[in-house]
Amino acid sequence: MIIGVLNQKGGVGKTTIAINLAAVDARSGQRVLFIDADPQGSALAWSTAREADPLFTVVGMAKPTLHRELPHMSGDYDVVIIDGAPRVSELARSAIMASDLVIIPVQPSPYDVWATTA
């Protein structure tokens, strides 16, 4: 299962939700690959700043070829979580094409809802 967490608006909680989804899956005994596909690299920075190793593998891969490369990387994992980039771009499209399920977090504000329509 490949789950993408995307929204074109920044600051809606994509990275926080993606990390927590990965942690829940890892704690349930699944092998989890976490792809940080956001050029900002917040999840990758989080994983390297921790005192203990994360419960799951974290890889930075902010590339518009993600959908083509991911099948070769994900074979040993039960779940792949993709933390997507803000903005509708080639990178976001690639993450969507790679995903079986896309979660679009939205804050309860008109601006966030409007940004989701794209």
PDB file of N, CA and C in Angstrom:
ATOM      1  N   MET A   1       0.857  -1.175   0.000  1.00  0.00           N
ATOM      2  CA  MET A   1       0.000   0.000   0.000  1.00  0.00           C
ATOM      3  C   MET A   1       0.900   1.233   0.000  1.00  0.00           C
ATOM      4  N   ILE A   2       0.626   2.147  -0.895  1.00  0.00           N
ATOM      5  CA  ILE A   2       1.359   3.415  -0.969  1.00  0.00           C
ATOM      6  C   ILE A   2       0.374   4.538  -0.690  1.00  0.00           C
ATOM      7  N   ILE A   3       0.658   5.318   0.354  1.00  0.00           N
ATOM      8  CA  ILE A   3      -0.228   6.397   0.777  1.00  0.00           C
ATOM      9  C   ILE A   3       0.509   7.719   0.591  1.00  0.00           C
ATOM     10  N   GLY A   4      -0.063   8.597  -0.213  1.00  0.00           N
ATOM     11  CA  GLY A   4       0.475   9.941  -0.393  1.00  0.00           C
ATOM     12  C   GLY A   4      -0.291  10.926   0.466  1.00  0.00           C
ATOM     13  N   VAL A   5       0.438  11.824   1.111  1.00  0.00           N
ATOM     14  CA  VAL A   5      -0.184  12.886   1.908  1.00  0.00           C
ATOM     15  C   VAL A   5       0.187  14.191   1.216  1.00  0.00           C
ATOM     16  N   LEU A   6      -0.805  14.805   0.552  1.00  0.00           N
ATOM     17  CA  LEU A   6      -0.537  15.970  -0.285  1.00  0.00           C
ATOM     18  C   LEU A   6      -1.606  17.036  -0.144  1.00  0.00           C
ATOM     19  N   ASN A   7      -1.203  18.257  -0.337  1.00  0.00           N
ATOM     20  CA  ASN A   7      -2.089  19.411  -0.476  1.00  0.00           C
ATOM     21  C   ASN A   7      -1.223  20.498  -1.063  1.00  0.00           C
ATOM     22  N   GLN A   8      -1.775  21.289  -1.959  1.00  0.00           N
ATOM     23  CA  GLN A   8      -0.942  22.313  -2.571  1.00  0.00           C
ATOM     24  C   GLN A   8      -0.620  23.464  -1.620  1.00  0.00           C
ATOM     25  N   LYS A   9      -1.333  23.555  -0.511  1.00  0.00           N
ATOM     26  CA  LYS A   9      -1.079  24.605   0.466  1.00  0.00           C
ATOM     27  C   LYS A   9      -0.120  24.098   1.532  1.00  0.00           C
ATOM     28  N   GLY A  10       0.834  24.897   1.885  1.00  0.00           N
ATOM     29  CA  GLY A  10       1.744  24.546   2.970  1.00  0.00           C
ATOM     30  C   GLY A  10       1.102  24.816   4.323  1.00  0.00           C
ATOM     31  N   GLY A  11       1.624  24.197   5.361  1.00  0.00           N
ATOM     32  CA  GLY A  11       1.166  24.469   6.719  1.00  0.00           C
ATOM     33  C   GLY A  11      -0.134  23.816   7.116  1.00  0.00           C
ATOM     34  N   VAL A  12      -0.562  22.787   6.371  1.00  0.00           N
ATOM     35  CA  VAL A  12      -1.826  22.132   6.713  1.00  0.00           C
ATOM     36  C   VAL A  12      -1.622  20.858   7.525  1.00  0.00           C
ATOM     37  N   GLY A  13      -0.376  20.485   7.775  1.00  0.00           N
ATOM     38  CA  GLY A  13      -0.092  19.318   8.597  1.00  0.00           C
ATOM     39  C   GLY A  13       0.303  18.070   7.835  1.00  0.00           C
ATOM     40  N   LYS A  14       0.710  18.217   6.573  1.00  0.00           N
ATOM     41  CA  LYS A  14       1.076  17.045   5.767  1.00  0.00           C
ATOM     42  C   LYS A  14       2.165  16.210   6.428  1.00  0.00           C
ATOM     43  N   THR A  15       3.256  16.854   6.802  1.00  0.00           N
ATOM     44  CA  THR A  15       4.391  16.125   7.368  1.00  0.00           C
ATOM     45  C   THR A  15       4.029  15.483   8.696  1.00  0.00           C
ATOM     46  N   THR A  16       3.337  16.200   9.549  1.00  0.00           N
ATOM     47  CA  THR A  16       2.940  15.651  10.854  1.00  0.00           C
ATOM     48  C   THR A  16       2.039  14.436  10.679  1.00  0.00           C
ATOM     49  N   ILE A  17       1.074  14.527   9.796  1.00  0.00           N
ATOM     50  CA  ILE A  17       0.166  13.402   9.547  1.00  0.00           C
ATOM     51  C   ILE A  17       0.928  12.230   8.945  1.00  0.00           C
ATOM     52  N   ALA A  18       1.796  12.497   7.971  1.00  0.00           N
ATOM     53  CA  ALA A  18       2.550  11.424   7.319  1.00  0.00           C
ATOM     54  C   ALA A  18       3.456  10.695   8.312  1.00  0.00           C
ATOM     55  N   ILE A  19       4.169  11.436   9.157  1.00  0.00           N
ATOM     56  CA  ILE A  19       5.057  10.815  10.150  1.00  0.00           C
ATOM     57  C   ILE A  19       4.252   9.967  11.133  1.00  0.00           C
ATOM     58  N   ASN A  20       3.127  10.475  11.572  1.00  0.00           N
ATOM     59  CA  ASN A  20       2.307   9.722  12.519  1.00  0.00           C
ATOM     60  C   ASN A  20       1.680   8.487  11.889  1.00  0.00           C
ATOM     61  N   LEU A  21       1.268   8.567  10.638  1.00  0.00           N
ATOM     62  CA  LEU A  21       0.772   7.374   9.940  1.00  0.00           C
ATOM     63  C   LEU A  21       1.867   6.311   9.854  1.00  0.00           C
ATOM     64  N   ALA A  22       3.071   6.741   9.507  1.00  0.00           N
ATOM     65  CA  ALA A  22       4.193   5.806   9.403  1.00  0.00           C
ATOM     66  C   ALA A  22       4.499   5.166  10.756  1.00  0.00           C
ATOM     67  N   ALA A  23       4.458   5.957  11.820  1.00  0.00           N
ATOM     68  CA  ALA A  23       4.745   5.427  13.162  1.00  0.00           C
ATOM     69  C   ALA A  23       3.699   4.415  13.597  1.00  0.00           C
ATOM     70  N   VAL A  24       2.428   4.701  13.330  1.00  0.00           N
ATOM     71  CA  VAL A  24       1.359   3.762  13.696  1.00  0.00           C
ATOM     72  C   VAL A  24       1.533   2.446  12.941  1.00  0.00           C
ATOM     73  N   ASP A  25       1.814   2.533  11.646  1.00  0.00           N
ATOM     74  CA  ASP A  25       2.012   1.311  10.858  1.00  0.00           C
ATOM     75  C   ASP A  25       3.228   0.534  11.349  1.00  0.00           C
ATOM     76  N   ALA A  26       4.324   1.234  11.640  1.00  0.00           N
ATOM     77  CA  ALA A  26       5.542   0.566  12.124  1.00  0.00           C
ATOM     78  C   ALA A  26       5.302  -0.093  13.468  1.00  0.00           C
ATOM     79  N   ARG A  27       4.588   0.578  14.346  1.00  0.00           N
ATOM     80  CA  ARG A  27       4.301  -0.009  15.663  1.00  0.00           C
ATOM     81  C   ARG A  27       3.372  -1.210  15.583  1.00  0.00           C
ATOM     82  N   SER A  28       2.613  -1.295  14.512  1.00  0.00           N
ATOM     83  CA  SER A  28       1.734  -2.456  14.349  1.00  0.00           C
ATOM     84  C   SER A  28       2.482  -3.631  13.702  1.00  0.00           C
ATOM     85  N   GLY A  29       3.781  -3.462  13.480  1.00  0.00           N
ATOM     86  CA  GLY A  29       4.600  -4.555  12.964  1.00  0.00           C
ATOM     87  C   GLY A  29       4.842  -4.533  11.476  1.00  0.00           C
ATOM     88  N   GLN A  30       4.371  -3.507  10.795  1.00  0.00           N
ATOM     89  CA  GLN A  30       4.580  -3.433   9.356  1.00  0.00           C
ATOM     90  C   GLN A  30       5.937  -2.793   9.048  1.00  0.00           C
ATOM     91  N   ARG A  31       6.506  -3.203   7.936  1.00  0.00           N
ATOM     92  CA  ARG A  31       7.754  -2.587   7.463  1.00  0.00           C
ATOM     93  C   ARG A  31       7.373  -1.365   6.646  1.00  0.00           C
ATOM     94  N   VAL A  32       7.851  -0.186   7.085  1.00  0.00           N
ATOM     95  CA  VAL A  32       7.407   1.085   6.514  1.00  0.00           C
ATOM     96  C   VAL A  32       8.575   1.818   5.872  1.00  0.00           C
ATOM     97  N   LEU A  33       8.341   2.292   4.655  1.00  0.00           N
ATOM     98  CA  LEU A  33       9.266   3.184   3.956  1.00  0.00           C
ATOM     99  C   LEU A  33       8.606   4.551   3.889  1.00  0.00           C
ATOM    100  N   PHE A  34       9.293   5.567   4.383  1.00  0.00           N
ATOM    101  CA  PHE A  34       8.773   6.932   4.385  1.00  0.00           C
ATOM    102  C   PHE A  34       9.562   7.715   3.339  1.00  0.00           C
ATOM    103  N   ILE A  35       8.857   8.277   2.373  1.00  0.00           N
ATOM    104  CA  ILE A  35       9.483   9.073   1.321  1.00  0.00           C
ATOM    105  C   ILE A  35       9.197  10.545   1.586  1.00  0.00           C
ATOM    106  N   ASP A  36      10.247  11.321   1.820  1.00  0.00           N
ATOM    107  CA  ASP A  36      10.110  12.773   1.956  1.00  0.00           C
ATOM    108  C   ASP A  36      10.261  13.355   0.561  1.00  0.00           C
ATOM    109  N   ALA A  37       9.129  13.633  -0.073  1.00  0.00           N
ATOM    110  CA  ALA A  37       9.117  14.156  -1.436  1.00  0.00           C
ATOM    111  C   ALA A  37       8.919  15.664  -1.464  1.00  0.00           C
ATOM    112  N   ASP A  38       9.133  16.308  -0.337  1.00  0.00           N
ATOM    113  CA  ASP A  38       9.018  17.763  -0.232  1.00  0.00           C
ATOM    114  C   ASP A  38      10.428  18.348  -0.307  1.00  0.00           C
ATOM    115  N   PRO A  39      10.700  19.236  -1.267  1.00  0.00           N
ATOM    116  CA  PRO A  39      12.038  19.821  -1.359  1.00  0.00           C
ATOM    117  C   PRO A  39      12.493  20.511  -0.063  1.00  0.00           C
ATOM    118  N   GLN A  40      11.555  20.926   0.765  1.00  0.00           N
ATOM    119  CA  GLN A  40      11.910  21.538   2.048  1.00  0.00           C
ATOM    120  C   GLN A  40      12.592  20.526   2.961  1.00  0.00           C
ATOM    121  N   GLY A  41      12.250  19.257   2.828  1.00  0.00           N
ATOM    122  CA  GLY A  41      12.924  18.182   3.555  1.00  0.00           C
ATOM    123  C   GLY A  41      12.694  18.142   5.049  1.00  0.00           C
ATOM    124  N   SER A  42      11.543  18.568   5.517  1.00  0.00           N
ATOM    125  CA  SER A  42      11.269  18.605   6.963  1.00  0.00           C
ATOM    126  C   SER A  42      11.316  17.224   7.609  1.00  0.00           C
ATOM    127  N   ALA A  43      10.741  16.227   6.971  1.00  0.00           N
ATOM    128  CA  ALA A  43      10.722  14.884   7.561  1.00  0.00           C
ATOM    129  C   ALA A  43      12.123  14.278   7.588  1.00  0.00           C
ATOM    130  N   LEU A  44      12.885  14.519   6.547  1.00  0.00           N
ATOM    131  CA  LEU A  44      14.262  14.018   6.525  1.00  0.00           C
ATOM    132  C   LEU A  44      15.092  14.691   7.610  1.00  0.00           C
ATOM    133  N   ALA A  45      14.918  15.989   7.782  1.00  0.00           N
ATOM    134  CA  ALA A  45      15.621  16.716   8.857  1.00  0.00           C
ATOM    135  C   ALA A  45      15.186  16.193  10.221  1.00  0.00           C
ATOM    136  N   TRP A  46      13.882  15.920  10.376  1.00  0.00           N
ATOM    137  CA  TRP A  46      13.367  15.367  11.638  1.00  0.00           C
ATOM    138  C   TRP A  46      14.034  14.033  11.941  1.00  0.00           C
ATOM    139  N   SER A  47      14.156  13.176  10.925  1.00  0.00           N
ATOM    140  CA  SER A  47      14.710  11.839  11.168  1.00  0.00           C
ATOM    141  C   SER A  47      16.187  11.886  11.533  1.00  0.00           C
ATOM    142  N   THR A  48      16.936  12.825  11.010  1.00  0.00           N
ATOM    143  CA  THR A  48      18.362  12.913  11.332  1.00  0.00           C
ATOM    144  C   THR A  48      18.604  13.655  12.642  1.00  0.00           C
ATOM    145  N   ALA A  49      17.663  14.471  13.085  1.00  0.00           N
ATOM    146  CA  ALA A  49      17.836  15.233  14.330  1.00  0.00           C
ATOM    147  C   ALA A  49      17.441  14.432  15.570  1.00  0.00           C
ATOM    148  N   ARG A  50      16.775  13.307  15.387  1.00  0.00           N
ATOM    149  CA  ARG A  50      16.327  12.496  16.520  1.00  0.00           C
ATOM    150  C   ARG A  50      17.504  11.880  17.251  1.00  0.00           C
ATOM    151  N   GLU A  51      17.345  11.693  18.552  1.00  0.00           N
ATOM    152  CA  GLU A  51      18.366  10.997  19.338  1.00  0.00           C
ATOM    153  C   GLU A  51      18.338   9.500  19.051  1.00  0.00           C
ATOM    154  N   ALA A  52      17.146   8.947  18.889  1.00  0.00           N
ATOM    155  CA  ALA A  52      16.994   7.519  18.567  1.00  0.00           C
ATOM    156  C   ALA A  52      16.614   7.388  17.093  1.00  0.00           C
ATOM    157  N   ASP A  53      16.893   6.239  16.518  1.00  0.00           N
ATOM    158  CA  ASP A  53      16.503   6.004  15.134  1.00  0.00           C
ATOM    159  C   ASP A  53      14.984   5.965  15.028  1.00  0.00           C
ATOM    160  N   PRO A  54      14.433   6.440  13.915  1.00  0.00           N
ATOM    161  CA  PRO A  54      12.981   6.332  13.715  1.00  0.00           C
ATOM    162  C   PRO A  54      12.563   4.858  13.629  1.00  0.00           C
ATOM    163  N   LEU A  55      11.299   4.612  13.797  1.00  0.00           N
ATOM    164  CA  LEU A  55      10.760   3.256  13.715  1.00  0.00           C
ATOM    165  C   LEU A  55      10.667   2.752  12.276  1.00  0.00           C
ATOM    166  N   PHE A  56      10.972   3.609  11.324  1.00  0.00           N
ATOM    167  CA  PHE A  56      10.811   3.290   9.907  1.00  0.00           C
ATOM    168  C   PHE A  56      11.936   3.949   9.108  1.00  0.00           C
ATOM    169  N   THR A  57      12.134   3.468   7.909  1.00  0.00           N
ATOM    170  CA  THR A  57      13.162   4.002   7.016  1.00  0.00           C
ATOM    171  C   THR A  57      12.676   5.305   6.398  1.00  0.00           C
ATOM    172  N   VAL A  58      13.526   6.334   6.417  1.00  0.00           N
ATOM    173  CA  VAL A  58      13.186   7.633   5.833  1.00  0.00           C
ATOM    174  C   VAL A  58      14.169   7.933   4.705  1.00  0.00           C
ATOM    175  N   VAL A  59      13.614   8.260   3.530  1.00  0.00           N
ATOM    176  CA  VAL A  59      14.419   8.551   2.352  1.00  0.00           C
ATOM    177  C   VAL A  59      13.949   9.871   1.753  1.00  0.00           C
ATOM    178  N   GLY A  60      14.887  10.740   1.424  1.00  0.00           N
ATOM    179  CA  GLY A  60      14.547  11.968   0.709  1.00  0.00           C
ATOM    180  C   GLY A  60      14.495  11.692  -0.779  1.00  0.00           C
ATOM    181  N   MET A  61      13.393  12.063  -1.415  1.00  0.00           N
ATOM    182  CA  MET A  61      13.248  11.787  -2.838  1.00  0.00           C
ATOM    183  C   MET A  61      12.322  12.805  -3.489  1.00  0.00           C
ATOM    184  N   ALA A  62      12.754  14.041  -3.507  1.00  0.00           N
ATOM    185  CA  ALA A  62      11.962  15.114  -4.111  1.00  0.00           C
ATOM    186  C   ALA A  62      12.264  15.163  -5.604  1.00  0.00           C
ATOM    187  N   LYS A  63      11.749  14.158  -6.317  1.00  0.00           N
ATOM    188  CA  LYS A  63      12.037  14.030  -7.751  1.00  0.00           C
ATOM    189  C   LYS A  63      10.749  13.786  -8.526  1.00  0.00           C
ATOM    190  N   PRO A  64      10.598  14.418  -9.681  1.00  0.00           N
ATOM    191  CA  PRO A  64       9.389  14.194 -10.478  1.00  0.00           C
ATOM    192  C   PRO A  64       9.331  12.810 -11.119  1.00  0.00           C
ATOM    193  N   THR A  65      10.352  11.995 -10.914  1.00  0.00           N
ATOM    194  CA  THR A  65      10.359  10.624 -11.418  1.00  0.00           C
ATOM    195  C   THR A  65      10.027   9.616 -10.317  1.00  0.00           C
ATOM    196  N   LEU A  66       9.537  10.115  -9.205  1.00  0.00           N
ATOM    197  CA  LEU A  66       9.221   9.274  -8.047  1.00  0.00           C
ATOM    198  C   LEU A  66       8.347   8.082  -8.430  1.00  0.00           C
ATOM    199  N   HIS A  67       7.311   8.311  -9.226  1.00  0.00           N
ATOM    200  CA  HIS A  67       6.383   7.236  -9.587  1.00  0.00           C
ATOM    201  C   HIS A  67       7.064   6.114 -10.380  1.00  0.00           C
ATOM    202  N   ARG A  68       8.133   6.435 -11.092  1.00  0.00           N
ATOM    203  CA  ARG A  68       8.856   5.407 -11.845  1.00  0.00           C
ATOM    204  C   ARG A  68       9.899   4.696 -10.985  1.00  0.00           C
ATOM    205  N   GLU A  69      10.502   5.404 -10.024  1.00  0.00           N
ATOM    206  CA  GLU A  69      11.573   4.847  -9.205  1.00  0.00           C
ATOM    207  C   GLU A  69      11.070   4.098  -7.970  1.00  0.00           C
ATOM    208  N   LEU A  70       9.929   4.500  -7.450  1.00  0.00           N
ATOM    209  CA  LEU A  70       9.426   3.916  -6.211  1.00  0.00           C
ATOM    210  C   LEU A  70       9.188   2.403  -6.284  1.00  0.00           C
ATOM    211  N   PRO A  71       8.640   1.865  -7.362  1.00  0.00           N
ATOM    212  CA  PRO A  71       8.431   0.406  -7.391  1.00  0.00           C
ATOM    213  C   PRO A  71       9.719  -0.398  -7.176  1.00  0.00           C
ATOM    214  N   HIS A  72      10.850   0.125  -7.597  1.00  0.00           N
ATOM    215  CA  HIS A  72      12.122  -0.572  -7.427  1.00  0.00           C
ATOM    216  C   HIS A  72      12.625  -0.502  -5.987  1.00  0.00           C
ATOM    217  N   MET A  73      12.177   0.514  -5.245  1.00  0.00           N
ATOM    218  CA  MET A  73      12.637   0.716  -3.863  1.00  0.00           C
ATOM    219  C   MET A  73      11.717   0.090  -2.829  1.00  0.00           C
ATOM    220  N   SER A  74      10.469  -0.112  -3.166  1.00  0.00           N
ATOM    221  CA  SER A  74       9.456  -0.443  -2.150  1.00  0.00           C
ATOM    222  C   SER A  74       9.193  -1.927  -1.970  1.00  0.00           C
ATOM    223  N   GLY A  75       9.888  -2.777  -2.681  1.00  0.00           N
ATOM    224  CA  GLY A  75       9.608  -4.210  -2.643  1.00  0.00           C
ATOM    225  C   GLY A  75       9.703  -4.857  -1.274  1.00  0.00           C
ATOM    226  N   ASP A  76      10.582  -4.379  -0.408  1.00  0.00           N
ATOM    227  CA  ASP A  76      10.777  -4.999   0.907  1.00  0.00           C
ATOM    228  C   ASP A  76       9.886  -4.400   1.990  1.00  0.00           C
ATOM    229  N   TYR A  77       8.958  -3.536   1.621  1.00  0.00           N
ATOM    230  CA  TYR A  77       8.136  -2.823   2.601  1.00  0.00           C
ATOM    231  C   TYR A  77       6.665  -3.173   2.431  1.00  0.00           C
ATOM    232  N   ASP A  78       5.947  -3.153   3.556  1.00  0.00           N
ATOM    233  CA  ASP A  78       4.507  -3.399   3.542  1.00  0.00           C
ATOM    234  C   ASP A  78       3.731  -2.132   3.205  1.00  0.00           C
ATOM    235  N   VAL A  79       4.257  -1.001   3.689  1.00  0.00           N
ATOM    236  CA  VAL A  79       3.582   0.290   3.526  1.00  0.00           C
ATOM    237  C   VAL A  79       4.616   1.336   3.123  1.00  0.00           C
ATOM    238  N   VAL A  80       4.220   2.194   2.199  1.00  0.00           N
ATOM    239  CA  VAL A  80       5.033   3.351   1.830  1.00  0.00           C
ATOM    240  C   VAL A  80       4.194   4.585   2.097  1.00  0.00           C
ATOM    241  N   ILE A  81       4.767   5.541   2.814  1.00  0.00           N
ATOM    242  CA  ILE A  81       4.104   6.818   3.076  1.00  0.00           C
ATOM    243  C   ILE A  81       4.903   7.887   2.340  1.00  0.00           C
ATOM    244  N   ILE A  82       4.218   8.694   1.540  1.00  0.00           N
ATOM    245  CA  ILE A  82       4.865   9.782   0.808  1.00  0.00           C
ATOM    246  C   ILE A  82       4.412  11.106   1.409  1.00  0.00           C
ATOM    247  N   ASP A  83       5.366  11.873   1.900  1.00  0.00           N
ATOM    248  CA  ASP A  83       5.095  13.236   2.366  1.00  0.00           C
ATOM    249  C   ASP A  83       5.315  14.150   1.166  1.00  0.00           C
ATOM    250  N   GLY A  84       4.218  14.629   0.588  1.00  0.00           N
ATOM    251  CA  GLY A  84       4.289  15.374  -0.658  1.00  0.00           C
ATOM    252  C   GLY A  84       4.634  16.835  -0.484  1.00  0.00           C
ATOM    253  N   ALA A  85       5.012  17.417  -1.602  1.00  0.00           N
ATOM    254  CA  ALA A  85       5.372  18.830  -1.646  1.00  0.00           C
ATOM    255  C   ALA A  85       4.124  19.696  -1.767  1.00  0.00           C
ATOM    256  N   PRO A  86       4.183  20.911  -1.225  1.00  0.00           N
ATOM    257  CA  PRO A  86       3.079  21.842  -1.487  1.00  0.00           C
ATOM    258  C   PRO A  86       3.144  22.299  -2.942  1.00  0.00           C
ATOM    259  N   ARG A  87       2.077  22.803  -3.441  1.00  0.00           N
ATOM    260  CA  ARG A  87       1.929  23.269  -4.806  1.00  0.00           C
ATOM    261  C   ARG A  87       1.604  22.108  -5.734  1.00  0.00           C
ATOM    262  N   VAL A  88       0.825  22.408  -6.741  1.00  0.00           N
ATOM    263  CA  VAL A  88       0.565  21.436  -7.790  1.00  0.00           C
ATOM    264  C   VAL A  88       1.727  21.563  -8.762  1.00  0.00           C
ATOM    265  N   SER A  89       2.529  20.528  -8.846  1.00  0.00           N
ATOM    266  CA  SER A  89       3.727  20.565  -9.674  1.00  0.00           C
ATOM    267  C   SER A  89       3.971  19.163 -10.224  1.00  0.00           C
ATOM    268  N   GLU A  90       5.021  19.032 -11.035  1.00  0.00           N
ATOM    269  CA  GLU A  90       5.390  17.718 -11.549  1.00  0.00           C
ATOM    270  C   GLU A  90       5.728  16.768 -10.413  1.00  0.00           C
ATOM    271  N   LEU A  91       6.335  17.292  -9.359  1.00  0.00           N
ATOM    272  CA  LEU A  91       6.679  16.474  -8.195  1.00  0.00           C
ATOM    273  C   LEU A  91       5.416  15.952  -7.506  1.00  0.00           C
ATOM    274  N   ALA A  92       4.434  16.821  -7.316  1.00  0.00           N
ATOM    275  CA  ALA A  92       3.175  16.407  -6.695  1.00  0.00           C
ATOM    276  C   ALA A  92       2.442  15.401  -7.585  1.00  0.00           C
ATOM    277  N   ARG A  93       2.435  15.644  -8.877  1.00  0.00           N
ATOM    278  CA  ARG A  93       1.775  14.704  -9.797  1.00  0.00           C
ATOM    279  C   ARG A  93       2.430  13.325  -9.738  1.00  0.00           C
ATOM    280  N   SER A  94       3.750  13.310  -9.659  1.00  0.00           N
ATOM    281  CA  SER A  94       4.468  12.047  -9.576  1.00  0.00           C
ATOM    282  C   SER A  94       4.105  11.300  -8.294  1.00  0.00           C
ATOM    283  N   ALA A  95       4.007  12.032  -7.178  1.00  0.00           N
ATOM    284  CA  ALA A  95       3.621  11.408  -5.907  1.00  0.00           C
ATOM    285  C   ALA A  95       2.199  10.863  -5.987  1.00  0.00           C
ATOM    286  N   ILE A  96       1.306  11.586  -6.630  1.00  0.00           N
ATOM    287  CA  ILE A  96      -0.077  11.122  -6.793  1.00  0.00           C
ATOM    288  C   ILE A  96      -0.116   9.857  -7.652  1.00  0.00           C
ATOM    289  N   MET A  97       0.632   9.853  -8.748  1.00  0.00           N
ATOM    290  CA  MET A  97       0.649   8.681  -9.627  1.00  0.00           C
ATOM    291  C   MET A  97       1.238   7.461  -8.926  1.00  0.00           C
ATOM    292  N   ALA A  98       2.155   7.664  -7.994  1.00  0.00           N
ATOM    293  CA  ALA A  98       2.771   6.551  -7.269  1.00  0.00           C
ATOM    294  C   ALA A  98       1.865   5.986  -6.185  1.00  0.00           C
ATOM    295  N   SER A  99       0.862   6.749  -5.759  1.00  0.00           N
ATOM    296  CA  SER A  99       0.048   6.398  -4.590  1.00  0.00           C
ATOM    297  C   SER A  99      -1.167   5.544  -4.938  1.00  0.00           C
ATOM    298  N   ASP A 100      -1.481   4.622  -4.017  1.00  0.00           N
ATOM    299  CA  ASP A 100      -2.737   3.874  -4.092  1.00  0.00           C
ATOM    300  C   ASP A 100      -3.866   4.679  -3.455  1.00  0.00           C
ATOM    301  N   LEU A 101      -3.499   5.503  -2.470  1.00  0.00           N
ATOM    302  CA  LEU A 101      -4.448   6.322  -1.727  1.00  0.00           C
ATOM    303  C   LEU A 101      -3.793   7.674  -1.472  1.00  0.00           C
ATOM    304  N   VAL A 102      -4.544   8.752  -1.654  1.00  0.00           N
ATOM    305  CA  VAL A 102      -4.031  10.096  -1.374  1.00  0.00           C
ATOM    306  C   VAL A 102      -4.885  10.725  -0.277  1.00  0.00           C
ATOM    307  N   ILE A 103      -4.212  11.192   0.757  1.00  0.00           N
ATOM    308  CA  ILE A 103      -4.874  11.910   1.851  1.00  0.00           C
ATOM    309  C   ILE A 103      -4.567  13.384   1.661  1.00  0.00           C
ATOM    310  N   ILE A 104      -5.608  14.222   1.719  1.00  0.00           N
ATOM    311  CA  ILE A 104      -5.446  15.666   1.542  1.00  0.00           C
ATOM    312  C   ILE A 104      -5.872  16.352   2.838  1.00  0.00           C
ATOM    313  N   PRO A 105      -4.899  16.672   3.711  1.00  0.00           N
ATOM    314  CA  PRO A 105      -5.256  17.345   4.965  1.00  0.00           C
ATOM    315  C   PRO A 105      -5.719  18.775   4.691  1.00  0.00           C
ATOM    316  N   VAL A 106      -6.731  19.192   5.421  1.00  0.00           N
ATOM    317  CA  VAL A 106      -7.285  20.537   5.254  1.00  0.00           C
ATOM    318  C   VAL A 106      -7.548  21.142   6.628  1.00  0.00           C
ATOM    319  N   GLN A 107      -7.015  22.331   6.864  1.00  0.00           N
ATOM    320  CA  GLN A 107      -7.326  23.068   8.090  1.00  0.00           C
ATOM    321  C   GLN A 107      -8.731  23.653   7.939  1.00  0.00           C
ATOM    322  N   PRO A 108      -9.438  23.903   9.030  1.00  0.00           N
ATOM    323  CA  PRO A 108     -10.798  24.439   8.937  1.00  0.00           C
ATOM    324  C   PRO A 108     -10.810  25.943   8.660  1.00  0.00           C
ATOM    325  N   SER A 109     -10.357  26.307   7.468  1.00  0.00           N
ATOM    326  CA  SER A 109     -10.406  27.716   7.063  1.00  0.00           C
ATOM    327  C   SER A 109     -10.767  27.781   5.585  1.00  0.00           C
ATOM    328  N   PRO A 110     -11.416  28.844   5.154  1.00  0.00           N
ATOM    329  CA  PRO A 110     -11.778  28.952   3.739  1.00  0.00           C
ATOM    330  C   PRO A 110     -10.570  28.884   2.812  1.00  0.00           C
ATOM    331  N   TYR A 111      -9.438  29.457   3.214  1.00  0.00           N
ATOM    332  CA  TYR A 111      -8.253  29.463   2.364  1.00  0.00           C
ATOM    333  C   TYR A 111      -7.755  28.045   2.101  1.00  0.00           C
ATOM    334  N   ASP A 112      -7.770  27.218   3.124  1.00  0.00           N
ATOM    335  CA  ASP A 112      -7.322  25.838   2.963  1.00  0.00           C
ATOM    336  C   ASP A 112      -8.284  25.049   2.074  1.00  0.00           C
ATOM    337  N   VAL A 113      -9.576  25.257   2.256  1.00  0.00           N
ATOM    338  CA  VAL A 113     -10.557  24.554   1.427  1.00  0.00           C
ATOM    339  C   VAL A 113     -10.418  25.004  -0.016  1.00  0.00           C
ATOM    340  N   TRP A 114     -10.268  26.304  -0.269  1.00  0.00           N
ATOM    341  CA  TRP A 114     -10.116  26.796  -1.628  1.00  0.00           C
ATOM    342  C   TRP A 114      -8.858  26.227  -2.294  1.00  0.00           C
ATOM    343  N   ALA A 115      -7.772  26.111  -1.535  1.00  0.00           N
ATOM    344  CA  ALA A 115      -6.522  25.597  -2.085  1.00  0.00           C
ATOM    345  C   ALA A 115      -6.640  24.126  -2.472  1.00  0.00           C
ATOM    346  N   THR A 116      -7.559  23.415  -1.859  1.00  0.00           N
ATOM    347  CA  THR A 116      -7.713  21.979  -2.102  1.00  0.00           C
ATOM    348  C   THR A 116      -8.379  21.699  -3.437  1.00  0.00           C
ATOM    349  N   THR A 117      -9.144  22.629  -3.968  1.00  0.00           N
ATOM    350  CA  THR A 117      -9.879  22.368  -5.200  1.00  0.00           C
ATOM    351  C   THR A 117      -8.964  22.060  -6.380  1.00  0.00           C
ATOM    352  N   ALA A 118      -7.800  22.660  -6.423  1.00  0.00           N
ATOM    353  CA  ALA A 118      -6.868  22.383  -7.534  1.00  0.00           C
ATOM    354  C   ALA A 118      -6.348  20.963  -7.450  1.00  0.00           C
TER     355      ALA A 118
END
